[in-house]
């Protein structure tokens, strides 16, 4: 009996690992889709197996997300798991892109280190950081002291800087960026083709799986309700879309849905993208915020965005609990609006002056040295130009997402309310 139970547990563990590896292969996370909330408000993953019993709901939903059959998951069918990787070159290229990106955050890797990895495998070790955090902190302190001379109170006498951290952006090289964007467009063309084919006739089983997988990969999201348009939802939404005047023509695609994936996909991180205005123009026709995001990224490369707390303003956990309780008791919409407006003013002040404070954090923008920025300065200027006005070399933002307001928005939202269940994976 004990042997049988162990065997069952091993099989369940094998299926569980197979499923999570399927998500990871396509740079997805199982926990992102299947989670609950504990008594303290923290999210926690929902297991596929509980006391040896499989959740049919999670199994079927996972199969839908990955474009597989439930039987493929239960049998750990590797051939089925890899079919989209083989069909669409994008995923291999995107993995290469991300690897190059992560390696670019590290300093120069010695030939000896690379040789050891080639011989013995595993991860590279003792890799230096790209930037010297202590030097950045010291320069930030000097800036605060200089500012305190003409703006007393900038520095807190007798207080210490705690919880210091910084963020920055930089460029890296990825010569295959044209191939990556091209393979991305292949995904978009295919999902658009299946999306509108469903308006005229039912998709067959293989098309449904492919469509659902592409919805996951591209995060194909309704423009009114922030939900992914999987096939079972699309079937219910087509009559709604028709009632809103859409005819099922391909040029209507971005009036109905958007690609949420683009929000976290930044091809402009690589140098080769900055040098190819035509490529930038093509990508901007699929992502409505491309132009302004490119401009902001180019500008951000020139600085370290530092933040910290003064020790005399840091609060204990008990203090924070008390404040949160008071906020709940004394909350009113008018005060909340004033606080939000204050936050916006602080952010705008930071953007203008390079210093500001928000929610107890002090923020300082520290310029990079010529050594730290290197040739990134050249690419930053190129990207800023691409994100600027067309008359000075900027691309044209041909795709503009329309945001509905007022009664029209509420009516369209209500029309979609019966399509999605309350649970994230229902």
Protein backbone atom coordinates (compact mmCIF):
# COMPACT_ATOMS: atom_id res chain seq x y z
CA UNK A 1 0.00 0.00 0.00
CA UNK A 2 2.84 2.36 0.99
CA UNK A 3 4.71 1.54 -2.23
CA UNK A 4 1.59 2.26 -4.28
CA UNK A 5 1.16 5.61 -2.53
CA UNK A 6 4.78 6.56 -3.17
CA UNK A 7 4.41 5.60 -6.81
CA UNK A 8 1.28 7.75 -7.09
CA UNK A 9 3.04 10.70 -5.46
CA UNK A 10 5.98 10.36 -7.87
CA UNK A 11 3.61 10.32 -10.85
CA UNK A 12 1.72 13.37 -9.55
CA UNK A 13 5.00 15.19 -8.96
CA UNK A 14 6.11 14.33 -12.50
CA UNK A 15 2.90 15.78 -13.96
CA UNK A 16 3.17 18.87 -11.78
CA UNK A 17 6.78 19.50 -12.88
CA UNK A 18 5.90 18.88 -16.51
CA UNK A 19 3.12 21.46 -16.37
CA UNK A 20 5.29 24.11 -14.72
CA UNK A 21 8.06 23.48 -17.24
CA UNK A 22 5.53 24.00 -20.04
CA UNK A 23 4.76 27.45 -18.65
CA UNK A 24 8.45 28.25 -18.18
CA UNK A 25 9.31 27.23 -21.76
CA UNK A 26 7.19 30.11 -23.02
CA UNK A 27 8.40 32.52 -20.30
CA UNK A 28 5.15 32.19 -18.37
CA UNK A 29 4.62 31.42 -14.69
CA UNK A 30 2.13 28.88 -13.38
CA UNK A 31 1.69 31.00 -10.24
CA UNK A 32 0.69 33.99 -12.36
CA UNK A 33 -2.45 32.17 -13.48
CA UNK A 34 -3.35 29.95 -10.52
CA UNK A 35 -3.34 31.66 -7.18
CA UNK A 36 -5.49 32.32 -4.15
CA UNK A 37 -5.37 34.85 -1.30
CA UNK A 38 -4.61 33.84 2.28
CA UNK A 39 -6.09 35.35 5.45
CA UNK A 40 -3.42 38.06 5.47
CA UNK A 41 -4.14 39.17 1.91
CA UNK A 42 -1.04 37.52 0.44
CA UNK A 43 -1.26 35.57 -2.81
CA UNK A 44 -0.29 31.92 -2.79
CA UNK A 45 -0.16 29.40 -5.66
CA UNK A 46 -2.98 26.92 -6.05
CA UNK A 47 -1.66 23.34 -6.35
CA UNK A 48 -2.59 21.07 -9.23
CA UNK A 49 -2.86 18.17 -6.74
CA UNK A 50 -4.33 18.36 -3.25
CA UNK A 51 -3.91 15.24 -1.11
CA UNK A 52 -3.35 13.23 -4.26
CA UNK A 53 -6.51 14.49 -6.02
CA UNK A 54 -6.12 16.55 -9.18
CA UNK A 55 -8.06 19.77 -9.69
CA UNK A 56 -9.97 19.27 -12.93
CA UNK A 57 -10.63 23.00 -13.10
CA UNK A 58 -6.93 23.87 -13.00
CA UNK A 59 -6.04 21.04 -15.38
CA UNK A 60 -8.56 22.15 -18.02
CA UNK A 61 -7.71 25.83 -17.62
CA UNK A 62 -3.96 25.14 -17.88
CA UNK A 63 -4.57 23.15 -21.07
CA UNK A 64 -6.53 26.06 -22.52
CA UNK A 65 -3.81 28.58 -21.61
CA UNK A 66 -1.05 26.46 -23.18
CA UNK A 67 -3.01 25.32 -26.21
CA UNK A 68 -2.81 21.67 -25.18
CA UNK A 69 -5.24 18.86 -24.50
CA UNK A 70 -5.66 17.86 -20.82
CA UNK A 71 -4.44 14.39 -21.84
CA UNK A 72 -1.16 15.92 -23.05
CA UNK A 73 -0.51 17.21 -19.55
CA UNK A 74 -1.52 13.98 -17.80
CA UNK A 75 0.70 11.91 -20.11
CA UNK A 76 3.58 14.46 -19.96
CA UNK A 77 3.58 14.63 -23.77
CA UNK A 78 6.85 16.42 -24.59
CA UNK A 79 6.11 16.48 -28.30
CA UNK A 80 2.86 18.39 -27.70
CA UNK A 81 4.54 20.68 -25.17
CA UNK A 82 7.17 21.79 -27.70
CA UNK A 83 4.95 22.17 -30.76
CA UNK A 84 4.54 25.96 -30.48
CA UNK A 85 8.25 26.38 -29.86
CA UNK A 86 8.91 24.53 -33.11
CA UNK A 87 6.20 26.30 -35.10
CA UNK A 88 6.98 29.87 -34.03
CA UNK A 89 10.67 30.98 -34.04
CA UNK A 90 9.73 33.92 -31.82
CA UNK A 91 10.06 31.98 -28.57
CA UNK A 92 13.62 30.81 -29.14
CA UNK A 93 14.64 34.29 -30.30
CA UNK A 94 12.87 35.90 -27.35
CA UNK A 95 14.69 33.60 -24.94
CA UNK A 96 17.98 34.64 -26.56
CA UNK A 97 16.96 38.30 -26.30
CA UNK A 98 16.21 37.96 -22.58
CA UNK A 99 19.45 36.07 -21.92
CA UNK A 100 21.44 38.85 -23.58
CA UNK A 101 19.52 41.43 -21.59
CA UNK A 102 20.19 39.78 -18.21
CA UNK A 103 23.87 39.22 -18.98
CA UNK A 104 24.21 42.90 -19.87
CA UNK A 105 23.59 43.84 -16.23
CA UNK A 106 26.87 42.20 -15.28
CA UNK A 107 30.37 43.50 -15.71
CA UNK A 108 33.05 42.19 -18.02
CA UNK A 109 33.32 38.41 -17.83
CA UNK A 110 36.85 37.02 -17.84
CA UNK A 111 37.99 34.55 -20.51
CA UNK A 112 38.91 32.16 -17.69
CA UNK A 113 35.36 32.26 -16.34
CA UNK A 114 33.87 31.56 -19.78
CA UNK A 115 36.32 28.68 -20.33
CA UNK A 116 35.41 27.09 -16.96
CA UNK A 117 31.71 27.29 -17.85
CA UNK A 118 32.36 25.71 -21.25
CA UNK A 119 34.23 22.80 -19.62
CA UNK A 120 32.17 22.19 -16.50
CA UNK A 121 28.82 23.78 -17.37
CA UNK A 122 26.63 25.51 -14.80
CA UNK A 123 26.40 29.22 -14.08
CA UNK A 124 29.11 31.81 -14.46
CA UNK A 125 30.51 32.77 -11.05
CA UNK A 126 32.19 35.80 -9.49
CA UNK A 127 30.75 38.14 -12.13
CA UNK A 128 31.33 41.81 -11.27
CA UNK A 129 28.40 44.22 -11.08
CA UNK A 130 28.00 46.58 -13.99
CA UNK A 131 27.92 49.66 -11.73
CA UNK A 132 29.52 50.57 -8.39
CA UNK A 133 26.57 51.10 -6.03
CA UNK A 134 28.71 52.64 -3.28
CA UNK A 135 30.06 55.28 -5.66
CA UNK A 136 26.54 56.07 -6.87
CA UNK A 137 25.38 56.47 -3.26
CA UNK A 138 28.27 58.81 -2.44
CA UNK A 139 27.52 61.01 -5.46
CA UNK A 140 23.87 61.15 -4.45
CA UNK A 141 24.84 62.31 -0.94
CA UNK A 142 27.03 65.04 -2.45
CA UNK A 143 24.12 66.23 -4.59
CA UNK A 144 21.90 66.39 -1.50
CA UNK A 145 24.51 68.46 0.36
CA UNK A 146 24.80 70.90 -2.56
CA UNK A 147 21.01 71.21 -2.77
CA UNK A 148 20.80 71.79 1.00
CA UNK A 149 22.91 74.95 0.60
CA UNK A 150 20.15 76.72 -1.35
CA UNK A 151 17.20 74.63 -0.12
CA UNK A 152 17.66 74.07 3.64
CA UNK A 153 15.98 70.92 4.91
CA UNK A 154 16.98 68.80 1.93
CA UNK A 155 19.40 66.98 4.24
CA UNK A 156 18.19 65.79 7.64
CA UNK A 157 20.73 66.75 10.31
CA UNK A 158 21.74 63.77 12.44
CA UNK A 159 19.71 61.31 10.35
CA UNK A 160 21.09 58.43 8.33
CA UNK A 161 20.26 57.24 4.83
CA UNK A 162 18.64 53.81 4.99
CA UNK A 163 17.12 51.36 2.48
CA UNK A 164 19.12 52.86 -0.38
CA UNK A 165 18.56 51.38 -3.85
CA UNK A 166 18.81 52.52 -7.43
CA UNK A 167 17.47 51.64 -10.86
CA UNK A 168 18.77 52.45 -14.29
CA UNK A 169 18.47 51.44 -17.91
CA UNK A 170 21.14 50.75 -20.50
CA UNK A 171 21.45 49.34 -24.00
CA UNK A 172 22.77 45.96 -25.06
CA UNK A 173 23.54 44.40 -28.41
CA UNK A 174 21.15 41.94 -30.07
CA UNK A 175 21.89 41.69 -33.80
CA UNK A 176 18.85 39.45 -34.37
CA UNK A 177 16.36 42.17 -33.38
CA UNK A 178 14.97 42.32 -36.94
CA UNK A 179 14.31 38.57 -36.87
CA UNK A 180 12.73 38.88 -33.43
CA UNK A 181 10.33 41.64 -34.50
CA UNK A 182 9.52 39.73 -37.70
CA UNK A 183 8.72 36.57 -35.75
CA UNK A 184 6.61 38.63 -33.34
CA UNK A 185 4.58 39.92 -36.31
CA UNK A 186 4.03 36.31 -37.41
CA UNK A 187 2.27 35.69 -34.09
CA UNK A 188 0.13 38.79 -34.51
CA UNK A 189 -0.85 37.96 -38.11
CA UNK A 190 -1.85 34.43 -37.12
CA UNK A 191 -3.89 35.36 -34.05
CA UNK A 192 -5.63 38.09 -36.05
CA UNK A 193 -6.42 35.59 -38.80
CA UNK A 194 -7.98 33.14 -36.32
CA UNK A 195 -9.73 35.92 -34.41
CA UNK A 196 -11.68 37.04 -37.45
CA UNK A 197 -12.15 33.57 -38.89
CA UNK A 198 -14.18 32.80 -35.75
CA UNK A 199 -16.60 35.59 -36.72
CA UNK A 200 -17.72 33.59 -39.74
CA UNK A 201 -17.45 29.96 -38.62
CA UNK A 202 -16.41 27.80 -35.68
CA UNK A 203 -12.69 27.02 -35.43
CA UNK A 204 -11.70 23.37 -35.45
CA UNK A 205 -10.01 21.78 -32.43
CA UNK A 206 -6.42 22.39 -33.60
CA UNK A 207 -7.20 26.01 -34.48
CA UNK A 208 -8.79 26.58 -31.07
CA UNK A 209 -5.67 25.30 -29.32
CA UNK A 210 -3.42 27.48 -31.46
CA UNK A 211 -5.62 30.54 -31.02
CA UNK A 212 -5.78 30.10 -27.23
CA UNK A 213 -2.02 29.70 -26.98
CA UNK A 214 -1.46 32.88 -29.01
CA UNK A 215 -3.92 34.74 -26.78
CA UNK A 216 -1.75 33.70 -23.83
CA UNK A 217 1.56 34.54 -25.50
CA UNK A 218 0.44 37.97 -26.72
CA UNK A 219 -1.92 38.65 -23.79
CA UNK A 220 -4.68 39.51 -26.24
CA UNK A 221 -6.94 41.72 -24.13
CA UNK A 222 -10.32 43.33 -24.68
CA UNK A 223 -10.08 47.13 -24.93
CA UNK A 224 -12.95 47.72 -22.51
CA UNK A 225 -12.75 44.92 -19.92
CA UNK A 226 -9.17 43.97 -18.87
CA UNK A 227 -9.54 40.26 -19.66
CA UNK A 228 -7.91 37.95 -22.19
CA UNK A 229 -10.09 37.00 -25.15
CA UNK A 230 -9.78 33.20 -25.18
CA UNK A 231 -11.89 31.32 -27.70
CA UNK A 232 -14.78 30.48 -25.36
CA UNK A 233 -14.97 34.20 -24.48
CA UNK A 234 -14.63 35.31 -28.09
CA UNK A 235 -17.66 33.25 -29.06
CA UNK A 236 -19.74 35.15 -26.51
CA UNK A 237 -18.19 38.51 -27.37
CA UNK A 238 -18.68 38.45 -31.15
CA UNK A 239 -22.42 39.34 -30.84
CA UNK A 240 -21.42 42.12 -28.42
CA UNK A 241 -18.82 43.46 -30.83
CA UNK A 242 -21.33 43.34 -33.70
CA UNK A 243 -23.86 45.27 -31.63
CA UNK A 244 -21.22 47.99 -31.17
CA UNK A 245 -20.88 48.39 -34.94
CA UNK A 246 -17.87 46.22 -35.70
CA UNK A 247 -18.10 44.23 -38.95
CA UNK A 248 -15.37 41.66 -38.38
CA UNK A 249 -12.84 43.34 -40.68
CA UNK A 250 -9.11 42.93 -40.02
CA UNK A 251 -8.50 46.68 -39.84
CA UNK A 252 -10.81 46.77 -36.77
CA UNK A 253 -8.53 44.47 -34.75
CA UNK A 254 -6.85 47.11 -32.58
CA UNK A 255 -10.14 48.96 -32.09
CA UNK A 256 -11.43 45.84 -30.31
CA UNK A 257 -8.37 44.38 -28.55
CA UNK A 258 -4.76 45.23 -27.68
CA UNK A 259 -1.57 43.26 -27.09
CA UNK A 260 -0.81 43.63 -23.39
CA UNK A 261 2.44 41.72 -23.98
CA UNK A 262 3.90 44.82 -25.61
CA UNK A 263 3.85 46.68 -22.30
CA UNK A 264 6.67 44.47 -21.02
CA UNK A 265 8.46 43.86 -24.33
CA UNK A 266 11.07 46.57 -24.93
CA UNK A 267 12.95 45.90 -28.19
CA UNK A 268 14.40 49.44 -27.94
CA UNK A 269 16.66 48.12 -25.16
CA UNK A 270 19.02 46.93 -27.86
CA UNK A 271 21.35 49.14 -29.86
CA UNK A 272 20.42 47.74 -33.24
CA UNK A 273 16.78 48.79 -32.79
CA UNK A 274 17.82 52.41 -32.16
CA UNK A 275 19.66 52.44 -35.50
CA UNK A 276 16.71 51.17 -37.52
CA UNK A 277 13.96 53.77 -37.88
CA UNK A 278 11.96 51.53 -40.22
CA UNK A 279 11.89 48.73 -37.63
CA UNK A 280 10.84 51.20 -34.92
CA UNK A 281 8.06 52.47 -37.17
CA UNK A 282 6.79 48.94 -37.82
CA UNK A 283 6.70 48.05 -34.13
CA UNK A 284 4.92 51.31 -33.26
CA UNK A 285 2.08 50.27 -35.55
CA UNK A 286 1.34 47.40 -33.15
CA UNK A 287 1.88 49.13 -29.81
CA UNK A 288 0.12 52.43 -29.13
CA UNK A 289 2.50 53.57 -26.38
CA UNK A 290 5.71 52.73 -28.25
CA UNK A 291 6.71 56.27 -29.18
CA UNK A 292 6.44 57.87 -25.73
CA UNK A 293 7.95 54.81 -24.01
CA UNK A 294 10.95 54.94 -26.34
CA UNK A 295 11.46 58.61 -25.55
CA UNK A 296 11.30 58.01 -21.78
CA UNK A 297 13.64 55.03 -21.99
CA UNK A 298 16.22 57.00 -23.97
CA UNK A 299 16.17 59.76 -21.36
CA UNK A 300 16.32 57.33 -18.41
CA UNK A 301 19.56 55.76 -19.71
CA UNK A 302 21.43 58.92 -18.74
CA UNK A 303 20.64 58.65 -15.02
CA UNK A 304 20.51 56.44 -11.94
CA UNK A 305 17.11 56.73 -10.26
CA UNK A 306 18.00 56.46 -6.58
CA UNK A 307 15.66 56.21 -3.63
CA UNK A 308 16.07 55.94 0.13
CA UNK A 309 14.51 56.84 3.47
CA UNK A 310 15.81 59.16 6.16
CA UNK A 311 16.16 57.29 9.45
CA UNK A 312 14.21 60.00 11.31
CA UNK A 313 11.22 59.44 9.02
CA UNK A 314 11.30 55.63 9.02
CA UNK A 315 8.34 54.09 10.84
CA UNK A 316 8.07 50.89 12.81
CA UNK A 317 5.69 48.18 11.67
CA UNK A 318 3.45 49.12 14.60
CA UNK A 319 3.34 52.74 13.48
CA UNK A 320 2.43 51.66 9.94
CA UNK A 321 -0.38 49.43 11.22
CA UNK A 322 -1.80 52.29 13.26
CA UNK A 323 -1.58 54.68 10.32
CA UNK A 324 -3.28 52.19 8.00
CA UNK A 325 -6.09 51.74 10.55
CA UNK A 326 -6.49 55.51 10.81
CA UNK A 327 -6.54 55.81 7.01
CA UNK A 328 -9.35 53.27 6.78
CA UNK A 329 -11.37 54.97 9.56
CA UNK A 330 -10.88 58.51 8.28
CA UNK A 331 -10.94 57.83 4.54
CA UNK A 332 -13.02 60.14 2.41
CA UNK A 333 -13.05 60.65 -1.33
CA UNK A 334 -12.27 64.37 -1.18
CA UNK A 335 -9.13 63.88 0.94
CA UNK A 336 -8.03 60.94 -1.22
CA UNK A 337 -8.29 63.15 -4.29
CA UNK A 338 -6.16 65.85 -2.66
CA UNK A 339 -3.51 63.29 -1.65
CA UNK A 340 -3.43 61.85 -5.15
CA UNK A 341 -3.03 65.33 -6.62
CA UNK A 342 -0.17 65.95 -4.17
CA UNK A 343 1.52 62.73 -5.31
CA UNK A 344 1.27 63.81 -8.94
CA UNK A 345 2.81 67.18 -8.04
CA UNK A 346 5.70 65.43 -6.27
CA UNK A 347 6.32 63.17 -9.28
CA UNK A 348 6.27 66.17 -11.64
CA UNK A 349 8.68 68.02 -9.34
CA UNK A 350 11.01 65.03 -9.45
CA UNK A 351 10.81 64.93 -13.25
CA UNK A 352 11.73 68.64 -13.44
CA UNK A 353 14.36 68.96 -10.72
CA UNK A 354 15.71 65.43 -10.36
CA UNK A 355 14.81 65.39 -6.65
CA UNK A 356 11.57 64.73 -4.85
CA UNK A 357 9.78 62.70 -2.20
CA UNK A 358 6.83 60.35 -2.27
CA UNK A 359 5.25 58.16 0.43
CA UNK A 360 8.22 58.53 2.77
CA UNK A 361 10.80 57.86 0.07
CA UNK A 362 13.30 60.47 -1.09
CA UNK A 363 14.14 60.20 -4.80
CA UNK A 364 17.26 61.56 -6.45
CA UNK A 365 18.29 61.33 -10.08
CA UNK A 366 22.08 60.94 -10.31
CA UNK A 367 23.66 61.62 -13.74
CA UNK A 368 25.94 58.90 -15.06
CA UNK A 369 29.60 59.65 -15.62
CA UNK A 370 30.97 59.49 -19.16
CA UNK A 371 32.62 56.18 -18.20
CA UNK A 372 29.35 54.71 -16.89
CA UNK A 373 27.28 55.74 -19.90
CA UNK A 374 29.93 54.86 -22.50
CA UNK A 375 28.49 54.65 -26.01
CA UNK A 376 24.98 54.37 -24.52
CA UNK A 377 24.83 58.15 -24.77
CA UNK A 378 24.87 57.92 -28.57
CA UNK A 379 22.07 55.33 -28.63
CA UNK A 380 20.06 57.27 -26.05
CA UNK A 381 20.07 60.33 -28.33
CA UNK A 382 19.06 58.20 -31.31
CA UNK A 383 16.14 56.70 -29.37
CA UNK A 384 15.05 60.08 -27.99
CA UNK A 385 15.02 61.36 -31.57
CA UNK A 386 12.90 58.40 -32.72
CA UNK A 387 10.47 59.11 -29.88
CA UNK A 388 10.38 62.82 -30.69
CA UNK A 389 8.53 64.87 -33.28
CA UNK A 390 8.44 63.45 -36.85
CA UNK A 391 9.85 66.69 -38.32
CA UNK A 392 13.10 66.01 -36.43
CA UNK A 393 13.42 62.32 -37.25
CA UNK A 394 10.77 60.88 -34.94
CA UNK A 395 8.54 58.01 -35.97
CA UNK A 396 4.80 58.48 -36.46
CA UNK A 397 2.47 56.88 -33.93
CA UNK A 398 -0.11 55.52 -36.37
CA UNK A 399 -1.83 53.25 -33.82
CA UNK A 400 -3.73 55.13 -31.15
CA UNK A 401 -5.83 53.25 -28.65
CA UNK A 402 -9.18 54.88 -27.98
CA UNK A 403 -10.12 55.08 -24.30
CA UNK A 404 -13.86 55.27 -23.74
CA UNK A 405 -15.37 57.35 -20.95
CA UNK A 406 -18.62 58.03 -19.21
CA UNK A 407 -21.87 56.38 -20.22
CA UNK A 408 -20.49 54.73 -23.36
CA UNK A 409 -17.76 53.02 -21.35
CA UNK A 410 -20.18 51.83 -18.66
CA UNK A 411 -22.62 50.46 -21.26
CA UNK A 412 -19.89 48.50 -23.03
CA UNK A 413 -18.49 47.24 -19.75
CA UNK A 414 -21.94 46.04 -18.69
CA UNK A 415 -22.35 44.20 -22.01
CA UNK A 416 -19.20 42.22 -21.20
CA UNK A 417 -20.00 41.55 -17.55
CA UNK A 418 -21.54 38.12 -18.16
CA UNK A 419 -18.61 36.85 -20.25
CA UNK A 420 -15.96 36.50 -17.54
CA UNK A 421 -16.44 34.78 -14.22
CA UNK A 422 -15.26 36.22 -10.92
CA UNK A 423 -12.26 33.92 -10.51
CA UNK A 424 -9.12 34.61 -12.53
CA UNK A 425 -9.15 31.17 -14.12
CA UNK A 426 -12.90 30.52 -14.36
